[in-house]
Each structure stands twice: as structure tokens, then as C-alpha cells.
Amino acid sequence: MVDEKIFDVFFREKPSMLLVNLKNAKGPIYASSVAKLIDCTYSHVIKILLDMNKAGLINFEKKGRLKLLTLTKKGSDVAEHIEAVRNLL
């Protein structure tokens, strides 16, 4: 069982869970749907996504008003490690 309080000591919850949710997505996923999954505002999710894009963790493709999100290889590796640490706690 994950101790959420101790996890939050080591990781900022929203950005780390955003990355993990992208890794575990079963199909196309958009910024608006990730915002709902992690209980976060759309504008905050966009800010996080822009930072992650600059770091080479994600790619996003704008389709009209929607942003289709995909993880890069680096992003997928980071998400796997975050999930592994989370499961250890």
C-alpha cells in the first residue's frame, strides 16, 4: 500500500502522477482528460506539460483546441521509475 504522505515528501504529486497517468493510458489522451484524472486545473496541467516538453519527457500535438499527449522514451523511463518508487513506499 502506498503511503501518499511520504510519497509527497519526495515527489510533487501532480507532475509525477501526470507522467504516470500518461504512461498507463490505454489510448489517445489529452491535456483536459489528464487534468481530470489528477484533479488539477487545466491551466496548471498545461504549465507542467510545457516544462515536461522542454525537458524532453513528452510531446504534444495540438488538434484544434485539444492537445494530444505522448511520452518520449525518456518520459516513459522516468514514469516507470516514479511508479516503482511509489510502489515501494
PDB file of N, CA and C in Angstrom:
ATOM      1  N   MET A   1       0.844  -1.187   0.000  1.00  0.00           N
ATOM      2  CA  MET A   1       0.000   0.000   0.000  1.00  0.00           C
ATOM      3  C   MET A   1       0.887   1.247   0.000  1.00  0.00           C
ATOM      4  N   VAL A   2       0.536   2.214  -0.789  1.00  0.00           N
ATOM      5  CA  VAL A   2       1.328   3.428  -0.927  1.00  0.00           C
ATOM      6  C   VAL A   2       0.969   4.412   0.178  1.00  0.00           C
ATOM      7  N   ASP A   3       1.991   4.904   0.871  1.00  0.00           N
ATOM      8  CA  ASP A   3       1.796   5.960   1.857  1.00  0.00           C
ATOM      9  C   ASP A   3       1.911   7.283   1.108  1.00  0.00           C
ATOM     10  N   GLU A   4       0.769   7.889   0.788  1.00  0.00           N
ATOM     11  CA  GLU A   4       0.740   9.095  -0.042  1.00  0.00           C
ATOM     12  C   GLU A   4       1.508  10.252   0.593  1.00  0.00           C
ATOM     13  N   LYS A   5       1.479  10.364   1.917  1.00  0.00           N
ATOM     14  CA  LYS A   5       2.165  11.483   2.568  1.00  0.00           C
ATOM     15  C   LYS A   5       3.673  11.391   2.380  1.00  0.00           C
ATOM     16  N   ILE A   6       4.236  10.213   2.539  1.00  0.00           N
ATOM     17  CA  ILE A   6       5.678  10.066   2.364  1.00  0.00           C
ATOM     18  C   ILE A   6       6.057  10.197   0.889  1.00  0.00           C
ATOM     19  N   PHE A   7       5.190   9.737  -0.001  1.00  0.00           N
ATOM     20  CA  PHE A   7       5.446   9.905  -1.433  1.00  0.00           C
ATOM     21  C   PHE A   7       5.540  11.389  -1.773  1.00  0.00           C
ATOM     22  N   ASP A   8       4.646  12.193  -1.194  1.00  0.00           N
ATOM     23  CA  ASP A   8       4.638  13.632  -1.459  1.00  0.00           C
ATOM     24  C   ASP A   8       5.875  14.332  -0.913  1.00  0.00           C
ATOM     25  N   VAL A   9       6.535  13.718   0.068  1.00  0.00           N
ATOM     26  CA  VAL A   9       7.779  14.280   0.588  1.00  0.00           C
ATOM     27  C   VAL A   9       8.854  14.250  -0.500  1.00  0.00           C
ATOM     28  N   PHE A  10       8.873  13.189  -1.280  1.00  0.00           N
ATOM     29  CA  PHE A  10       9.912  13.010  -2.285  1.00  0.00           C
ATOM     30  C   PHE A  10       9.531  13.526  -3.670  1.00  0.00           C
ATOM     31  N   PHE A  11       8.253  13.525  -3.978  1.00  0.00           N
ATOM     32  CA  PHE A  11       7.793  13.916  -5.310  1.00  0.00           C
ATOM     33  C   PHE A  11       6.640  14.901  -5.203  1.00  0.00           C
ATOM     34  N   ARG A  12       6.604  15.862  -6.127  1.00  0.00           N
ATOM     35  CA  ARG A  12       5.413  16.700  -6.233  1.00  0.00           C
ATOM     36  C   ARG A  12       4.337  15.833  -6.874  1.00  0.00           C
ATOM     37  N   GLU A  13       3.214  15.737  -6.198  1.00  0.00           N
ATOM     38  CA  GLU A  13       2.173  14.779  -6.590  1.00  0.00           C
ATOM     39  C   GLU A  13       1.656  14.982  -8.012  1.00  0.00           C
ATOM     40  N   LYS A  14       1.240  16.184  -8.353  1.00  0.00           N
ATOM     41  CA  LYS A  14       0.583  16.405  -9.650  1.00  0.00           C
ATOM     42  C   LYS A  14       1.502  16.099 -10.840  1.00  0.00           C
ATOM     43  N   PRO A  15       2.720  16.656 -10.882  1.00  0.00           N
ATOM     44  CA  PRO A  15       3.578  16.340 -12.034  1.00  0.00           C
ATOM     45  C   PRO A  15       3.944  14.864 -12.132  1.00  0.00           C
ATOM     46  N   SER A  16       4.240  14.239 -11.008  1.00  0.00           N
ATOM     47  CA  SER A  16       4.634  12.827 -11.069  1.00  0.00           C
ATOM     48  C   SER A  16       3.459  11.946 -11.484  1.00  0.00           C
ATOM     49  N   MET A  17       2.266  12.230 -10.967  1.00  0.00           N
ATOM     50  CA  MET A  17       1.097  11.430 -11.332  1.00  0.00           C
ATOM     51  C   MET A  17       0.655  11.713 -12.764  1.00  0.00           C
ATOM     52  N   LEU A  18       0.907  12.923 -13.246  1.00  0.00           N
ATOM     53  CA  LEU A  18       0.609  13.238 -14.642  1.00  0.00           C
ATOM     54  C   LEU A  18       1.434  12.330 -15.553  1.00  0.00           C
ATOM     55  N   LEU A  19       2.716  12.216 -15.258  1.00  0.00           N
ATOM     56  CA  LEU A  19       3.601  11.377 -16.065  1.00  0.00           C
ATOM     57  C   LEU A  19       3.198   9.905 -15.989  1.00  0.00           C
ATOM     58  N   VAL A  20       2.882   9.423 -14.795  1.00  0.00           N
ATOM     59  CA  VAL A  20       2.472   8.023 -14.617  1.00  0.00           C
ATOM     60  C   VAL A  20       1.157   7.752 -15.349  1.00  0.00           C
ATOM     61  N   ASN A  21       0.206   8.687 -15.276  1.00  0.00           N
ATOM     62  CA  ASN A  21      -1.068   8.507 -15.983  1.00  0.00           C
ATOM     63  C   ASN A  21      -0.870   8.479 -17.494  1.00  0.00           C
ATOM     64  N   LEU A  22       0.055   9.268 -18.002  1.00  0.00           N
ATOM     65  CA  LEU A  22       0.348   9.220 -19.440  1.00  0.00           C
ATOM     66  C   LEU A  22       0.915   7.860 -19.820  1.00  0.00           C
ATOM     67  N   LYS A  23       1.783   7.328 -18.979  1.00  0.00           N
ATOM     68  CA  LYS A  23       2.382   6.013 -19.254  1.00  0.00           C
ATOM     69  C   LYS A  23       1.323   4.915 -19.260  1.00  0.00           C
ATOM     70  N   ASN A  24       0.349   5.020 -18.376  1.00  0.00           N
ATOM     71  CA  ASN A  24      -0.660   3.971 -18.226  1.00  0.00           C
ATOM     72  C   ASN A  24      -1.891   4.170 -19.106  1.00  0.00           C
ATOM     73  N   ALA A  25      -1.910   5.217 -19.918  1.00  0.00           N
ATOM     74  CA  ALA A  25      -3.066   5.492 -20.779  1.00  0.00           C
ATOM     75  C   ALA A  25      -3.259   4.364 -21.786  1.00  0.00           C
ATOM     76  N   LYS A  26      -4.502   3.989 -22.007  1.00  0.00           N
ATOM     77  CA  LYS A  26      -4.835   2.891 -22.922  1.00  0.00           C
ATOM     78  C   LYS A  26      -5.062   3.351 -24.357  1.00  0.00           C
ATOM     79  N   GLY A  27      -5.074   4.637 -24.583  1.00  0.00           N
ATOM     80  CA  GLY A  27      -5.305   5.162 -25.921  1.00  0.00           C
ATOM     81  C   GLY A  27      -4.898   6.616 -25.966  1.00  0.00           C
ATOM     82  N   PRO A  28      -5.367   7.350 -26.959  1.00  0.00           N
ATOM     83  CA  PRO A  28      -5.031   8.772 -27.043  1.00  0.00           C
ATOM     84  C   PRO A  28      -5.485   9.501 -25.779  1.00  0.00           C
ATOM     85  N   ILE A  29      -4.648  10.385 -25.288  1.00  0.00           N
ATOM     86  CA  ILE A  29      -5.006  11.123 -24.078  1.00  0.00           C
ATOM     87  C   ILE A  29      -4.703  12.602 -24.300  1.00  0.00           C
ATOM     88  N   TYR A  30      -5.566  13.435 -23.767  1.00  0.00           N
ATOM     89  CA  TYR A  30      -5.489  14.872 -23.967  1.00  0.00           C
ATOM     90  C   TYR A  30      -5.248  15.572 -22.637  1.00  0.00           C
ATOM     91  N   ALA A  31      -4.741  16.790 -22.720  1.00  0.00           N
ATOM     92  CA  ALA A  31      -4.446  17.572 -21.518  1.00  0.00           C
ATOM     93  C   ALA A  31      -5.681  17.717 -20.630  1.00  0.00           C
ATOM     94  N   SER A  32      -6.831  17.938 -21.230  1.00  0.00           N
ATOM     95  CA  SER A  32      -8.053  18.116 -20.437  1.00  0.00           C
ATOM     96  C   SER A  32      -8.422  16.849 -19.673  1.00  0.00           C
ATOM     97  N   SER A  33      -8.213  15.681 -20.285  1.00  0.00           N
ATOM     98  CA  SER A  33      -8.548  14.435 -19.590  1.00  0.00           C
ATOM     99  C   SER A  33      -7.539  14.124 -18.487  1.00  0.00           C
ATOM    100  N   VAL A  34      -6.272  14.475 -18.684  1.00  0.00           N
ATOM    101  CA  VAL A  34      -5.272  14.288 -17.628  1.00  0.00           C
ATOM    102  C   VAL A  34      -5.593  15.195 -16.445  1.00  0.00           C
ATOM    103  N   ALA A  35      -6.025  16.414 -16.723  1.00  0.00           N
ATOM    104  CA  ALA A  35      -6.380  17.343 -15.649  1.00  0.00           C
ATOM    105  C   ALA A  35      -7.459  16.738 -14.756  1.00  0.00           C
ATOM    106  N   LYS A  36      -8.440  16.093 -15.354  1.00  0.00           N
ATOM    107  CA  LYS A  36      -9.499  15.447 -14.568  1.00  0.00           C
ATOM    108  C   LYS A  36      -8.959  14.254 -13.789  1.00  0.00           C
ATOM    109  N   LEU A  37      -8.091  13.460 -14.414  1.00  0.00           N
ATOM    110  CA  LEU A  37      -7.537  12.277 -13.752  1.00  0.00           C
ATOM    111  C   LEU A  37      -6.743  12.625 -12.500  1.00  0.00           C
ATOM    112  N   ILE A  38      -5.982  13.714 -12.555  1.00  0.00           N
ATOM    113  CA  ILE A  38      -5.135  14.059 -11.412  1.00  0.00           C
ATOM    114  C   ILE A  38      -5.739  15.169 -10.558  1.00  0.00           C
ATOM    115  N   ASP A  39      -6.997  15.526 -10.839  1.00  0.00           N
ATOM    116  CA  ASP A  39      -7.720  16.538 -10.073  1.00  0.00           C
ATOM    117  C   ASP A  39      -6.933  17.849 -10.007  1.00  0.00           C
ATOM    118  N   CYS A  40      -6.710  18.406 -11.180  1.00  0.00           N
ATOM    119  CA  CYS A  40      -5.886  19.601 -11.311  1.00  0.00           C
ATOM    120  C   CYS A  40      -6.531  20.521 -12.345  1.00  0.00           C
ATOM    121  N   THR A  41      -6.249  21.810 -12.240  1.00  0.00           N
ATOM    122  CA  THR A  41      -6.813  22.723 -13.227  1.00  0.00           C
ATOM    123  C   THR A  41      -6.118  22.535 -14.575  1.00  0.00           C
ATOM    124  N   TYR A  42      -6.840  22.823 -15.619  1.00  0.00           N
ATOM    125  CA  TYR A  42      -6.301  22.692 -16.976  1.00  0.00           C
ATOM    126  C   TYR A  42      -5.077  23.594 -17.148  1.00  0.00           C
ATOM    127  N   SER A  43      -5.155  24.822 -16.649  1.00  0.00           N
ATOM    128  CA  SER A  43      -4.037  25.753 -16.829  1.00  0.00           C
ATOM    129  C   SER A  43      -2.779  25.269 -16.106  1.00  0.00           C
ATOM    130  N   HIS A  44      -2.935  24.662 -14.935  1.00  0.00           N
ATOM    131  CA  HIS A  44      -1.780  24.124 -14.214  1.00  0.00           C
ATOM    132  C   HIS A  44      -1.187  22.933 -14.972  1.00  0.00           C
ATOM    133  N   VAL A  45      -2.038  22.080 -15.520  1.00  0.00           N
ATOM    134  CA  VAL A  45      -1.576  20.935 -16.308  1.00  0.00           C
ATOM    135  C   VAL A  45      -0.781  21.419 -17.523  1.00  0.00           C
ATOM    136  N   ILE A  46      -1.258  22.442 -18.198  1.00  0.00           N
ATOM    137  CA  ILE A  46      -0.553  22.977 -19.368  1.00  0.00           C
ATOM    138  C   ILE A  46       0.826  23.494 -18.969  1.00  0.00           C
ATOM    139  N   LYS A  47       0.913  24.179 -17.833  1.00  0.00           N
ATOM    140  CA  LYS A  47       2.205  24.683 -17.351  1.00  0.00           C
ATOM    141  C   LYS A  47       3.170  23.517 -17.099  1.00  0.00           C
ATOM    142  N   ILE A  48       2.686  22.474 -16.450  1.00  0.00           N
ATOM    143  CA  ILE A  48       3.509  21.290 -16.186  1.00  0.00           C
ATOM    144  C   ILE A  48       3.936  20.638 -17.505  1.00  0.00           C
ATOM    145  N   LEU A  49       2.992  20.511 -18.441  1.00  0.00           N
ATOM    146  CA  LEU A  49       3.287  19.880 -19.731  1.00  0.00           C
ATOM    147  C   LEU A  49       4.342  20.652 -20.520  1.00  0.00           C
ATOM    148  N   LEU A  50       4.273  21.966 -20.480  1.00  0.00           N
ATOM    149  CA  LEU A  50       5.274  22.772 -21.180  1.00  0.00           C
ATOM    150  C   LEU A  50       6.664  22.534 -20.600  1.00  0.00           C
ATOM    151  N   ASP A  51       6.752  22.457 -19.265  1.00  0.00           N
ATOM    152  CA  ASP A  51       8.037  22.166 -18.614  1.00  0.00           C
ATOM    153  C   ASP A  51       8.533  20.774 -18.994  1.00  0.00           C
ATOM    154  N   MET A  52       7.623  19.807 -19.014  1.00  0.00           N
ATOM    155  CA  MET A  52       7.996  18.436 -19.372  1.00  0.00           C
ATOM    156  C   MET A  52       8.407  18.338 -20.833  1.00  0.00           C
ATOM    157  N   ASN A  53       7.750  19.108 -21.689  1.00  0.00           N
ATOM    158  CA  ASN A  53       8.106  19.135 -23.103  1.00  0.00           C
ATOM    159  C   ASN A  53       9.513  19.696 -23.287  1.00  0.00           C
ATOM    160  N   LYS A  54       9.830  20.766 -22.573  1.00  0.00           N
ATOM    161  CA  LYS A  54      11.174  21.358 -22.649  1.00  0.00           C
ATOM    162  C   LYS A  54      12.235  20.388 -22.146  1.00  0.00           C
ATOM    163  N   ALA A  55      11.870  19.537 -21.175  1.00  0.00           N
ATOM    164  CA  ALA A  55      12.809  18.562 -20.615  1.00  0.00           C
ATOM    165  C   ALA A  55      12.909  17.300 -21.476  1.00  0.00           C
ATOM    166  N   GLY A  56      12.109  17.227 -22.538  1.00  0.00           N
ATOM    167  CA  GLY A  56      12.159  16.070 -23.430  1.00  0.00           C
ATOM    168  C   GLY A  56      11.417  14.848 -22.909  1.00  0.00           C
ATOM    169  N   LEU A  57      10.464  15.053 -21.982  1.00  0.00           N
ATOM    170  CA  LEU A  57       9.713  13.936 -21.406  1.00  0.00           C
ATOM    171  C   LEU A  57       8.443  13.609 -22.179  1.00  0.00           C
ATOM    172  N   ILE A  58       7.840  14.626 -22.794  1.00  0.00           N
ATOM    173  CA  ILE A  58       6.587  14.422 -23.533  1.00  0.00           C
ATOM    174  C   ILE A  58       6.624  15.178 -24.851  1.00  0.00           C
ATOM    175  N   ASN A  59       5.734  14.774 -25.728  1.00  0.00           N
ATOM    176  CA  ASN A  59       5.443  15.526 -26.948  1.00  0.00           C
ATOM    177  C   ASN A  59       3.957  15.824 -26.916  1.00  0.00           C
ATOM    178  N   PHE A  60       3.579  16.973 -27.434  1.00  0.00           N
ATOM    179  CA  PHE A  60       2.152  17.181 -27.612  1.00  0.00           C
ATOM    180  C   PHE A  60       1.882  17.806 -28.955  1.00  0.00           C
ATOM    181  N   GLU A  61       0.782  17.330 -29.508  1.00  0.00           N
ATOM    182  CA  GLU A  61       0.354  17.756 -30.830  1.00  0.00           C
ATOM    183  C   GLU A  61      -0.987  18.448 -30.664  1.00  0.00           C
ATOM    184  N   LYS A  62      -1.057  19.674 -31.128  1.00  0.00           N
ATOM    185  CA  LYS A  62      -2.295  20.426 -30.988  1.00  0.00           C
ATOM    186  C   LYS A  62      -3.261  20.028 -32.097  1.00  0.00           C
ATOM    187  N   LYS A  63      -4.464  19.630 -31.706  1.00  0.00           N
ATOM    188  CA  LYS A  63      -5.536  19.283 -32.652  1.00  0.00           C
ATOM    189  C   LYS A  63      -6.712  20.202 -32.346  1.00  0.00           C
ATOM    190  N   GLY A  64      -6.745  21.349 -33.013  1.00  0.00           N
ATOM    191  CA  GLY A  64      -7.769  22.333 -32.690  1.00  0.00           C
ATOM    192  C   GLY A  64      -7.513  22.876 -31.295  1.00  0.00           C
ATOM    193  N   ARG A  65      -8.497  22.734 -30.432  1.00  0.00           N
ATOM    194  CA  ARG A  65      -8.337  23.189 -29.046  1.00  0.00           C
ATOM    195  C   ARG A  65      -7.754  22.102 -28.150  1.00  0.00           C
ATOM    196  N   LEU A  66      -7.612  20.896 -28.661  1.00  0.00           N
ATOM    197  CA  LEU A  66      -7.117  19.785 -27.851  1.00  0.00           C
ATOM    198  C   LEU A  66      -5.630  19.562 -28.087  1.00  0.00           C
ATOM    199  N   LYS A  67      -4.954  19.079 -27.037  1.00  0.00           N
ATOM    200  CA  LYS A  67      -3.544  18.727 -27.137  1.00  0.00           C
ATOM    201  C   LYS A  67      -3.399  17.227 -26.906  1.00  0.00           C
ATOM    202  N   LEU A  68      -3.016  16.496 -27.953  1.00  0.00           N
ATOM    203  CA  LEU A  68      -2.783  15.059 -27.855  1.00  0.00           C
ATOM    204  C   LEU A  68      -1.398  14.847 -27.255  1.00  0.00           C
ATOM    205  N   LEU A  69      -1.326  14.057 -26.190  1.00  0.00           N
ATOM    206  CA  LEU A  69      -0.084  13.869 -25.448  1.00  0.00           C
ATOM    207  C   LEU A  69       0.522  12.502 -25.704  1.00  0.00           C
ATOM    208  N   THR A  70       1.838  12.463 -25.839  1.00  0.00           N
ATOM    209  CA  THR A  70       2.567  11.201 -25.929  1.00  0.00           C
ATOM    210  C   THR A  70       3.856  11.337 -25.129  1.00  0.00           C
ATOM    211  N   LEU A  71       4.262  10.229 -24.529  1.00  0.00           N
ATOM    212  CA  LEU A  71       5.526  10.204 -23.801  1.00  0.00           C
ATOM    213  C   LEU A  71       6.670   9.916 -24.761  1.00  0.00           C
ATOM    214  N   THR A  72       7.798  10.519 -24.501  1.00  0.00           N
ATOM    215  CA  THR A  72       9.015  10.150 -25.216  1.00  0.00           C
ATOM    216  C   THR A  72       9.588   8.919 -24.512  1.00  0.00           C
ATOM    217  N   LYS A  73      10.624   8.336 -25.069  1.00  0.00           N
ATOM    218  CA  LYS A  73      11.291   7.197 -24.427  1.00  0.00           C
ATOM    219  C   LYS A  73      11.794   7.614 -23.044  1.00  0.00           C
ATOM    220  N   LYS A  74      12.406   8.787 -22.974  1.00  0.00           N
ATOM    221  CA  LYS A  74      12.907   9.311 -21.695  1.00  0.00           C
ATOM    222  C   LYS A  74      11.760   9.480 -20.699  1.00  0.00           C
ATOM    223  N   GLY A  75      10.640  10.030 -21.151  1.00  0.00           N
ATOM    224  CA  GLY A  75       9.476  10.225 -20.292  1.00  0.00           C
ATOM    225  C   GLY A  75       8.916   8.914 -19.783  1.00  0.00           C
ATOM    226  N   SER A  76       8.879   7.919 -20.647  1.00  0.00           N
ATOM    227  CA  SER A  76       8.389   6.598 -20.254  1.00  0.00           C
ATOM    228  C   SER A  76       9.297   5.975 -19.198  1.00  0.00           C
ATOM    229  N   ASP A  77      10.605   6.114 -19.380  1.00  0.00           N
ATOM    230  CA  ASP A  77      11.558   5.585 -18.399  1.00  0.00           C
ATOM    231  C   ASP A  77      11.398   6.270 -17.042  1.00  0.00           C
ATOM    232  N   VAL A  78      11.270   7.589 -17.055  1.00  0.00           N
ATOM    233  CA  VAL A  78      11.091   8.339 -15.806  1.00  0.00           C
ATOM    234  C   VAL A  78       9.794   7.925 -15.119  1.00  0.00           C
ATOM    235  N   ALA A  79       8.715   7.792 -15.886  1.00  0.00           N
ATOM    236  CA  ALA A  79       7.422   7.389 -15.319  1.00  0.00           C
ATOM    237  C   ALA A  79       7.512   6.004 -14.684  1.00  0.00           C
ATOM    238  N   GLU A  80       8.221   5.087 -15.323  1.00  0.00           N
ATOM    239  CA  GLU A  80       8.391   3.742 -14.757  1.00  0.00           C
ATOM    240  C   GLU A  80       9.122   3.798 -13.423  1.00  0.00           C
ATOM    241  N   HIS A  81      10.150   4.632 -13.345  1.00  0.00           N
ATOM    242  CA  HIS A  81      10.907   4.757 -12.093  1.00  0.00           C
ATOM    243  C   HIS A  81      10.063   5.408 -10.994  1.00  0.00           C
ATOM    244  N   ILE A  82       9.292   6.420 -11.344  1.00  0.00           N
ATOM    245  CA  ILE A  82       8.410   7.061 -10.361  1.00  0.00           C
ATOM    246  C   ILE A  82       7.419   6.042  -9.821  1.00  0.00           C
ATOM    247  N   GLU A  83       6.831   5.264 -10.723  1.00  0.00           N
ATOM    248  CA  GLU A  83       5.854   4.258 -10.308  1.00  0.00           C
ATOM    249  C   GLU A  83       6.501   3.193  -9.420  1.00  0.00           C
ATOM    250  N   ALA A  84       7.718   2.800  -9.738  1.00  0.00           N
ATOM    251  CA  ALA A  84       8.425   1.798  -8.930  1.00  0.00           C
ATOM    252  C   ALA A  84       8.697   2.326  -7.522  1.00  0.00           C
ATOM    253  N   VAL A  85       9.152   3.572  -7.420  1.00  0.00           N
ATOM    254  CA  VAL A  85       9.403   4.171  -6.103  1.00  0.00           C
ATOM    255  C   VAL A  85       8.097   4.301  -5.333  1.00  0.00           C
ATOM    256  N   ARG A  86       7.053   4.731  -6.009  1.00  0.00           N
ATOM    257  CA  ARG A  86       5.742   4.884  -5.366  1.00  0.00           C
ATOM    258  C   ARG A  86       5.264   3.549  -4.798  1.00  0.00           C
ATOM    259  N   ASN A  87       5.462   2.474  -5.537  1.00  0.00           N
ATOM    260  CA  ASN A  87       5.042   1.149  -5.071  1.00  0.00           C
ATOM    261  C   ASN A  87       5.884   0.657  -3.901  1.00  0.00           C
ATOM    262  N   LEU A  88       7.144   1.079  -3.826  1.00  0.00           N
ATOM    263  CA  LEU A  88       7.998   0.705  -2.699  1.00  0.00           C
ATOM    264  C   LEU A  88       7.570   1.389  -1.409  1.00  0.00           C
ATOM    265  N   LEU A  89       7.029   2.600  -1.539  1.00  0.00           N
ATOM    266  CA  LEU A  89       6.624   3.358  -0.356  1.00  0.00           C
ATOM    267  C   LEU A  89       5.282   2.873   0.147  1.00  0.00           C
TER     268      LEU A  89
END
